[in-house]
Amino acid sequence: MSRRSARLSAYQLIFGYLFSKEIDSKTYETMLGAEDISESDADYISNVVNGVKDHYDELMQMIAANSKNFKLDRIYKPDLAGLLLACYEMKYIPDIPLKVSISEVIDLVKTFSTENSNKFVNGVLKGVFNELNKEV
């Protein structure tokens, strides 16, 4: 499994979390137990999924602060899953360059959301990127 595939698995688990505020344990265990998954990929998935769950309110505030004139409850769930994933990576996983987090999530959103969602997600993440760079 590649990091891209691990990111897809994390994205899917986060997407499910948005509906029930619970991580689907059966799906989680199946993904982590897949034959082709490396230990580092399993660690990444676990870190990101549990990190998004643990920091959900903080990440949602970051998204809200950068989605000007757009209420959180109006954001499409596939877009929100990507935003949560990227924001978590950008804030809490320093070995992943910020631009890589943005680029990878934009690709996921292009695959799983609406035709124009990537522009919205990119705009929000650009704001988060600028915010995080000010903190450094």
N, C-alpha and C. Protein backbone atom coordinates (compact mmCIF):
# COMPACT_ATOMS: atom_id res chain seq x y z
N MET A 1 0.86 -1.18 0.00
CA MET A 1 0.00 0.00 0.00
C MET A 1 0.90 1.23 0.00
N SER A 2 0.49 2.23 -0.70
CA SER A 2 1.24 3.49 -0.74
C SER A 2 0.62 4.50 0.23
N ARG A 3 1.32 5.59 0.45
CA ARG A 3 0.78 6.65 1.30
C ARG A 3 -0.52 7.18 0.69
N ARG A 4 -0.58 7.25 -0.62
CA ARG A 4 -1.79 7.72 -1.29
C ARG A 4 -2.97 6.80 -0.97
N SER A 5 -2.74 5.50 -0.99
CA SER A 5 -3.80 4.54 -0.66
C SER A 5 -4.17 4.64 0.81
N ALA A 6 -3.17 4.83 1.66
CA ALA A 6 -3.45 4.99 3.10
C ALA A 6 -4.27 6.25 3.33
N ARG A 7 -3.95 7.32 2.60
CA ARG A 7 -4.70 8.57 2.73
C ARG A 7 -6.15 8.35 2.28
N LEU A 8 -6.35 7.59 1.21
CA LEU A 8 -7.70 7.27 0.75
C LEU A 8 -8.47 6.52 1.83
N SER A 9 -7.82 5.55 2.47
CA SER A 9 -8.49 4.80 3.55
C SER A 9 -8.87 5.73 4.70
N ALA A 10 -7.96 6.61 5.08
CA ALA A 10 -8.25 7.57 6.15
C ALA A 10 -9.41 8.48 5.74
N TYR A 11 -9.40 8.94 4.51
CA TYR A 11 -10.47 9.81 3.98
C TYR A 11 -11.83 9.09 4.10
N GLN A 12 -11.86 7.83 3.70
CA GLN A 12 -13.11 7.08 3.74
C GLN A 12 -13.61 6.90 5.17
N LEU A 13 -12.71 6.64 6.09
CA LEU A 13 -13.11 6.49 7.50
C LEU A 13 -13.59 7.82 8.08
N ILE A 14 -12.93 8.91 7.72
CA ILE A 14 -13.36 10.23 8.19
C ILE A 14 -14.72 10.58 7.60
N PHE A 15 -14.94 10.25 6.33
CA PHE A 15 -16.23 10.49 5.69
C PHE A 15 -17.34 9.78 6.48
N GLY A 16 -17.13 8.53 6.84
CA GLY A 16 -18.11 7.79 7.62
C GLY A 16 -18.32 8.41 8.99
N TYR A 17 -17.25 8.89 9.59
CA TYR A 17 -17.32 9.51 10.91
C TYR A 17 -18.24 10.74 10.90
N LEU A 18 -18.27 11.46 9.80
CA LEU A 18 -19.09 12.66 9.71
C LEU A 18 -20.59 12.38 9.89
N PHE A 19 -21.02 11.17 9.60
CA PHE A 19 -22.43 10.84 9.69
C PHE A 19 -22.84 10.34 11.08
N SER A 20 -21.95 9.65 11.75
CA SER A 20 -22.34 9.03 13.03
C SER A 20 -21.53 9.51 14.22
N LYS A 21 -20.47 10.29 13.95
CA LYS A 21 -19.52 10.74 14.98
C LYS A 21 -18.90 9.53 15.70
N GLU A 22 -18.83 8.43 15.00
CA GLU A 22 -18.17 7.21 15.46
C GLU A 22 -17.33 6.67 14.31
N ILE A 23 -16.20 6.07 14.67
CA ILE A 23 -15.39 5.38 13.67
C ILE A 23 -15.97 3.98 13.53
N ASP A 24 -16.30 3.58 12.31
CA ASP A 24 -16.84 2.25 12.07
C ASP A 24 -15.74 1.23 12.35
N SER A 25 -15.84 0.55 13.48
CA SER A 25 -14.76 -0.33 13.94
C SER A 25 -14.52 -1.49 12.99
N LYS A 26 -15.56 -2.01 12.38
CA LYS A 26 -15.39 -3.14 11.46
C LYS A 26 -14.60 -2.70 10.22
N THR A 27 -14.97 -1.57 9.66
CA THR A 27 -14.25 -1.05 8.49
C THR A 27 -12.83 -0.68 8.87
N TYR A 28 -12.66 -0.05 10.01
CA TYR A 28 -11.34 0.35 10.51
C TYR A 28 -10.42 -0.86 10.64
N GLU A 29 -10.91 -1.91 11.29
CA GLU A 29 -10.10 -3.12 11.47
C GLU A 29 -9.81 -3.80 10.14
N THR A 30 -10.78 -3.80 9.23
CA THR A 30 -10.56 -4.40 7.92
C THR A 30 -9.47 -3.66 7.17
N MET A 31 -9.51 -2.33 7.20
CA MET A 31 -8.50 -1.54 6.50
C MET A 31 -7.12 -1.74 7.11
N LEU A 32 -7.04 -1.75 8.43
CA LEU A 32 -5.75 -1.91 9.09
C LEU A 32 -5.22 -3.34 8.96
N GLY A 33 -6.10 -4.29 8.73
CA GLY A 33 -5.70 -5.69 8.61
C GLY A 33 -5.48 -6.17 7.19
N ALA A 34 -5.59 -5.28 6.23
CA ALA A 34 -5.41 -5.67 4.82
C ALA A 34 -4.00 -6.21 4.61
N GLU A 35 -3.89 -7.19 3.72
CA GLU A 35 -2.61 -7.84 3.45
C GLU A 35 -1.54 -6.90 2.95
N ASP A 36 -1.93 -5.95 2.12
CA ASP A 36 -0.95 -5.09 1.47
C ASP A 36 -0.59 -3.84 2.27
N ILE A 37 -1.03 -3.77 3.50
CA ILE A 37 -0.77 -2.56 4.29
C ILE A 37 0.53 -2.72 5.09
N SER A 38 1.35 -1.72 4.99
CA SER A 38 2.60 -1.72 5.76
C SER A 38 2.32 -1.20 7.17
N GLU A 39 3.25 -1.43 8.05
CA GLU A 39 3.09 -0.93 9.42
C GLU A 39 3.03 0.59 9.44
N SER A 40 3.84 1.25 8.61
CA SER A 40 3.83 2.72 8.60
C SER A 40 2.51 3.25 8.05
N ASP A 41 1.93 2.57 7.06
CA ASP A 41 0.64 3.00 6.54
C ASP A 41 -0.47 2.79 7.56
N ALA A 42 -0.42 1.68 8.28
CA ALA A 42 -1.41 1.43 9.34
C ALA A 42 -1.29 2.49 10.43
N ASP A 43 -0.06 2.83 10.78
CA ASP A 43 0.16 3.88 11.78
C ASP A 43 -0.38 5.22 11.30
N TYR A 44 -0.14 5.53 10.02
CA TYR A 44 -0.63 6.78 9.45
C TYR A 44 -2.16 6.83 9.54
N ILE A 45 -2.82 5.77 9.08
CA ILE A 45 -4.29 5.74 9.09
C ILE A 45 -4.81 5.92 10.52
N SER A 46 -4.26 5.16 11.43
CA SER A 46 -4.68 5.23 12.82
C SER A 46 -4.46 6.64 13.39
N ASN A 47 -3.28 7.20 13.13
CA ASN A 47 -2.94 8.54 13.62
C ASN A 47 -3.93 9.57 13.08
N VAL A 48 -4.17 9.56 11.79
CA VAL A 48 -5.03 10.57 11.17
C VAL A 48 -6.49 10.41 11.61
N VAL A 49 -7.00 9.21 11.55
CA VAL A 49 -8.42 9.00 11.88
C VAL A 49 -8.68 9.34 13.35
N ASN A 50 -7.85 8.83 14.23
CA ASN A 50 -8.04 9.13 15.66
C ASN A 50 -7.73 10.59 15.96
N GLY A 51 -6.76 11.17 15.24
CA GLY A 51 -6.44 12.58 15.42
C GLY A 51 -7.59 13.48 15.01
N VAL A 52 -8.22 13.17 13.88
CA VAL A 52 -9.38 13.96 13.45
C VAL A 52 -10.50 13.84 14.47
N LYS A 53 -10.72 12.63 14.97
CA LYS A 53 -11.76 12.43 15.98
C LYS A 53 -11.43 13.23 17.25
N ASP A 54 -10.19 13.15 17.71
CA ASP A 54 -9.79 13.83 18.95
C ASP A 54 -9.75 15.35 18.83
N HIS A 55 -9.44 15.86 17.66
CA HIS A 55 -9.30 17.30 17.44
C HIS A 55 -10.43 17.87 16.56
N TYR A 56 -11.53 17.14 16.49
CA TYR A 56 -12.62 17.50 15.58
C TYR A 56 -13.06 18.96 15.74
N ASP A 57 -13.36 19.39 16.95
CA ASP A 57 -13.87 20.74 17.17
C ASP A 57 -12.85 21.80 16.74
N GLU A 58 -11.60 21.58 17.09
CA GLU A 58 -10.54 22.53 16.70
C GLU A 58 -10.39 22.59 15.18
N LEU A 59 -10.41 21.43 14.53
CA LEU A 59 -10.28 21.40 13.06
C LEU A 59 -11.48 22.07 12.39
N MET A 60 -12.66 21.85 12.95
CA MET A 60 -13.86 22.49 12.39
C MET A 60 -13.77 24.01 12.54
N GLN A 61 -13.19 24.49 13.62
CA GLN A 61 -13.01 25.94 13.80
C GLN A 61 -12.04 26.48 12.76
N MET A 62 -10.98 25.74 12.47
CA MET A 62 -10.03 26.15 11.44
C MET A 62 -10.73 26.27 10.08
N ILE A 63 -11.56 25.27 9.79
CA ILE A 63 -12.29 25.26 8.52
C ILE A 63 -13.28 26.42 8.47
N ALA A 64 -14.03 26.62 9.55
CA ALA A 64 -15.01 27.70 9.62
C ALA A 64 -14.35 29.06 9.43
N ALA A 65 -13.19 29.25 10.04
CA ALA A 65 -12.50 30.53 9.96
C ALA A 65 -12.01 30.83 8.55
N ASN A 66 -11.86 29.79 7.73
CA ASN A 66 -11.32 29.98 6.39
C ASN A 66 -12.32 29.68 5.27
N SER A 67 -13.56 29.40 5.63
CA SER A 67 -14.60 29.19 4.62
C SER A 67 -15.57 30.37 4.69
N LYS A 68 -15.05 31.49 4.32
CA LYS A 68 -15.78 32.76 4.44
C LYS A 68 -17.15 32.70 3.77
N ASN A 69 -18.14 33.19 4.51
CA ASN A 69 -19.52 33.26 4.02
C ASN A 69 -20.09 31.89 3.64
N PHE A 70 -19.58 30.83 4.22
CA PHE A 70 -20.07 29.49 3.93
C PHE A 70 -20.21 28.74 5.24
N LYS A 71 -21.44 28.45 5.65
CA LYS A 71 -21.67 27.78 6.92
C LYS A 71 -21.22 26.32 6.84
N LEU A 72 -20.67 25.84 7.95
CA LEU A 72 -20.15 24.48 7.99
C LEU A 72 -21.17 23.42 7.61
N ASP A 73 -22.41 23.61 8.03
CA ASP A 73 -23.43 22.60 7.73
C ASP A 73 -23.84 22.57 6.26
N ARG A 74 -23.34 23.51 5.47
CA ARG A 74 -23.62 23.53 4.04
C ARG A 74 -22.48 22.93 3.20
N ILE A 75 -21.38 22.59 3.86
CA ILE A 75 -20.25 22.01 3.13
C ILE A 75 -20.56 20.54 2.84
N TYR A 76 -20.39 20.14 1.59
CA TYR A 76 -20.61 18.75 1.20
C TYR A 76 -19.72 17.84 2.04
N LYS A 77 -20.27 16.71 2.44
CA LYS A 77 -19.53 15.78 3.30
C LYS A 77 -18.22 15.31 2.66
N PRO A 78 -18.17 15.01 1.36
CA PRO A 78 -16.87 14.62 0.79
C PRO A 78 -15.83 15.74 0.88
N ASP A 79 -16.28 16.98 0.74
CA ASP A 79 -15.37 18.13 0.87
C ASP A 79 -14.91 18.27 2.32
N LEU A 80 -15.85 18.13 3.25
CA LEU A 80 -15.53 18.28 4.67
C LEU A 80 -14.56 17.19 5.13
N ALA A 81 -14.76 15.97 4.65
CA ALA A 81 -13.84 14.88 5.00
C ALA A 81 -12.42 15.23 4.53
N GLY A 82 -12.31 15.74 3.32
CA GLY A 82 -11.01 16.14 2.81
C GLY A 82 -10.41 17.30 3.58
N LEU A 83 -11.23 18.27 3.93
CA LEU A 83 -10.75 19.41 4.70
C LEU A 83 -10.25 18.98 6.08
N LEU A 84 -10.98 18.10 6.74
CA LEU A 84 -10.56 17.61 8.04
C LEU A 84 -9.24 16.86 7.94
N LEU A 85 -9.14 16.01 6.93
CA LEU A 85 -7.91 15.24 6.72
C LEU A 85 -6.72 16.16 6.49
N ALA A 86 -6.87 17.09 5.57
CA ALA A 86 -5.76 18.00 5.25
C ALA A 86 -5.41 18.89 6.43
N CYS A 87 -6.40 19.42 7.11
CA CYS A 87 -6.12 20.29 8.26
C CYS A 87 -5.39 19.53 9.35
N TYR A 88 -5.79 18.29 9.58
CA TYR A 88 -5.09 17.50 10.60
C TYR A 88 -3.64 17.27 10.19
N GLU A 89 -3.43 16.84 8.95
CA GLU A 89 -2.06 16.62 8.47
C GLU A 89 -1.23 17.90 8.59
N MET A 90 -1.80 19.00 8.14
CA MET A 90 -1.07 20.27 8.11
C MET A 90 -0.69 20.73 9.51
N LYS A 91 -1.56 20.52 10.47
CA LYS A 91 -1.31 21.02 11.83
C LYS A 91 -0.51 20.04 12.68
N TYR A 92 -0.74 18.73 12.50
CA TYR A 92 -0.20 17.77 13.45
C TYR A 92 0.82 16.76 12.90
N ILE A 93 1.05 16.75 11.60
CA ILE A 93 2.04 15.82 11.05
C ILE A 93 3.11 16.63 10.32
N PRO A 94 4.13 17.06 11.05
CA PRO A 94 5.12 17.98 10.49
C PRO A 94 5.98 17.40 9.38
N ASP A 95 6.08 16.06 9.27
CA ASP A 95 6.92 15.50 8.22
C ASP A 95 6.23 15.45 6.86
N ILE A 96 4.97 15.85 6.79
CA ILE A 96 4.28 15.95 5.50
C ILE A 96 4.24 17.43 5.13
N PRO A 97 4.85 17.79 4.01
CA PRO A 97 4.81 19.20 3.60
C PRO A 97 3.36 19.68 3.42
N LEU A 98 3.10 20.90 3.84
CA LEU A 98 1.74 21.46 3.76
C LEU A 98 1.18 21.36 2.34
N LYS A 99 2.00 21.67 1.36
CA LYS A 99 1.53 21.65 -0.03
C LYS A 99 1.17 20.25 -0.49
N VAL A 100 1.85 19.24 0.04
CA VAL A 100 1.51 17.85 -0.30
C VAL A 100 0.14 17.50 0.26
N SER A 101 -0.12 17.89 1.51
CA SER A 101 -1.44 17.64 2.11
C SER A 101 -2.54 18.26 1.26
N ILE A 102 -2.33 19.49 0.84
CA ILE A 102 -3.34 20.18 0.03
C ILE A 102 -3.53 19.47 -1.31
N SER A 103 -2.45 19.20 -2.00
CA SER A 103 -2.52 18.57 -3.31
C SER A 103 -3.21 17.21 -3.28
N GLU A 104 -2.85 16.40 -2.30
CA GLU A 104 -3.44 15.06 -2.20
C GLU A 104 -4.94 15.12 -1.90
N VAL A 105 -5.34 16.03 -1.03
CA VAL A 105 -6.76 16.14 -0.71
C VAL A 105 -7.53 16.70 -1.90
N ILE A 106 -6.94 17.62 -2.63
CA ILE A 106 -7.61 18.15 -3.83
C ILE A 106 -7.89 17.00 -4.80
N ASP A 107 -6.93 16.09 -4.96
CA ASP A 107 -7.14 14.94 -5.84
C ASP A 107 -8.29 14.06 -5.34
N LEU A 108 -8.37 13.85 -4.03
CA LEU A 108 -9.48 13.06 -3.48
C LEU A 108 -10.82 13.74 -3.73
N VAL A 109 -10.86 15.02 -3.51
CA VAL A 109 -12.11 15.77 -3.70
C VAL A 109 -12.52 15.76 -5.18
N LYS A 110 -11.56 15.86 -6.07
CA LYS A 110 -11.87 15.80 -7.50
C LYS A 110 -12.51 14.46 -7.85
N THR A 111 -12.09 13.40 -7.16
CA THR A 111 -12.62 12.06 -7.42
C THR A 111 -13.99 11.85 -6.80
N PHE A 112 -14.19 12.33 -5.58
CA PHE A 112 -15.38 11.96 -4.82
C PHE A 112 -16.43 13.04 -4.63
N SER A 113 -16.19 14.25 -5.11
CA SER A 113 -17.15 15.32 -4.86
C SER A 113 -17.60 15.97 -6.17
N THR A 114 -18.13 17.16 -6.06
CA THR A 114 -18.69 17.84 -7.23
C THR A 114 -17.61 18.46 -8.11
N GLU A 115 -18.01 18.88 -9.26
CA GLU A 115 -17.08 19.42 -10.26
C GLU A 115 -16.31 20.65 -9.76
N ASN A 116 -16.96 21.49 -8.97
CA ASN A 116 -16.31 22.72 -8.50
C ASN A 116 -15.81 22.64 -7.06
N SER A 117 -15.97 21.51 -6.41
CA SER A 117 -15.58 21.38 -5.01
C SER A 117 -14.09 21.60 -4.80
N ASN A 118 -13.29 21.16 -5.75
CA ASN A 118 -11.84 21.31 -5.57
C ASN A 118 -11.43 22.77 -5.42
N LYS A 119 -12.14 23.66 -6.09
CA LYS A 119 -11.82 25.10 -5.99
C LYS A 119 -12.14 25.62 -4.59
N PHE A 120 -13.29 25.21 -4.06
CA PHE A 120 -13.68 25.61 -2.72
C PHE A 120 -12.69 25.07 -1.69
N VAL A 121 -12.41 23.78 -1.76
CA VAL A 121 -11.49 23.14 -0.82
C VAL A 121 -10.11 23.78 -0.91
N ASN A 122 -9.65 24.04 -2.11
CA ASN A 122 -8.35 24.68 -2.30
C ASN A 122 -8.32 26.06 -1.64
N GLY A 123 -9.39 26.81 -1.78
CA GLY A 123 -9.46 28.14 -1.18
C GLY A 123 -9.41 28.09 0.33
N VAL A 124 -10.16 27.16 0.92
CA VAL A 124 -10.16 27.01 2.38
C VAL A 124 -8.76 26.59 2.86
N LEU A 125 -8.18 25.62 2.18
CA LEU A 125 -6.86 25.13 2.60
C LEU A 125 -5.76 26.17 2.39
N LYS A 126 -5.93 27.03 1.40
CA LYS A 126 -4.96 28.12 1.22
C LYS A 126 -5.00 29.03 2.45
N GLY A 127 -6.19 29.32 2.96
CA GLY A 127 -6.32 30.13 4.17
C GLY A 127 -5.70 29.45 5.37
N VAL A 128 -5.92 28.13 5.51
CA VAL A 128 -5.32 27.38 6.62
C VAL A 128 -3.80 27.38 6.47
N PHE A 129 -3.33 27.18 5.26
CA PHE A 129 -1.88 27.21 4.97
C PHE A 129 -1.28 28.54 5.43
N ASN A 130 -1.90 29.64 5.05
CA ASN A 130 -1.41 30.97 5.43
C ASN A 130 -1.44 31.16 6.95
N GLU A 131 -2.50 30.67 7.57
CA GLU A 131 -2.65 30.77 9.03
C GLU A 131 -1.53 29.98 9.74
N LEU A 132 -1.27 28.77 9.28
CA LEU A 132 -0.25 27.93 9.91
C LEU A 132 1.15 28.48 9.67
N ASN A 133 1.38 29.10 8.53
CA ASN A 133 2.69 29.69 8.24
C ASN A 133 2.96 30.90 9.12
N LYS A 134 1.91 31.60 9.53
CA LYS A 134 2.07 32.73 10.44
C LYS A 134 2.52 32.25 11.82
N GLU A 135 2.08 31.05 12.22
CA GLU A 135 2.40 30.50 13.54
C GLU A 135 3.86 30.12 13.65
N VAL A 136 4.50 29.83 12.53
CA VAL A 136 5.90 29.33 12.55
C VAL A 136 6.87 30.40 12.86
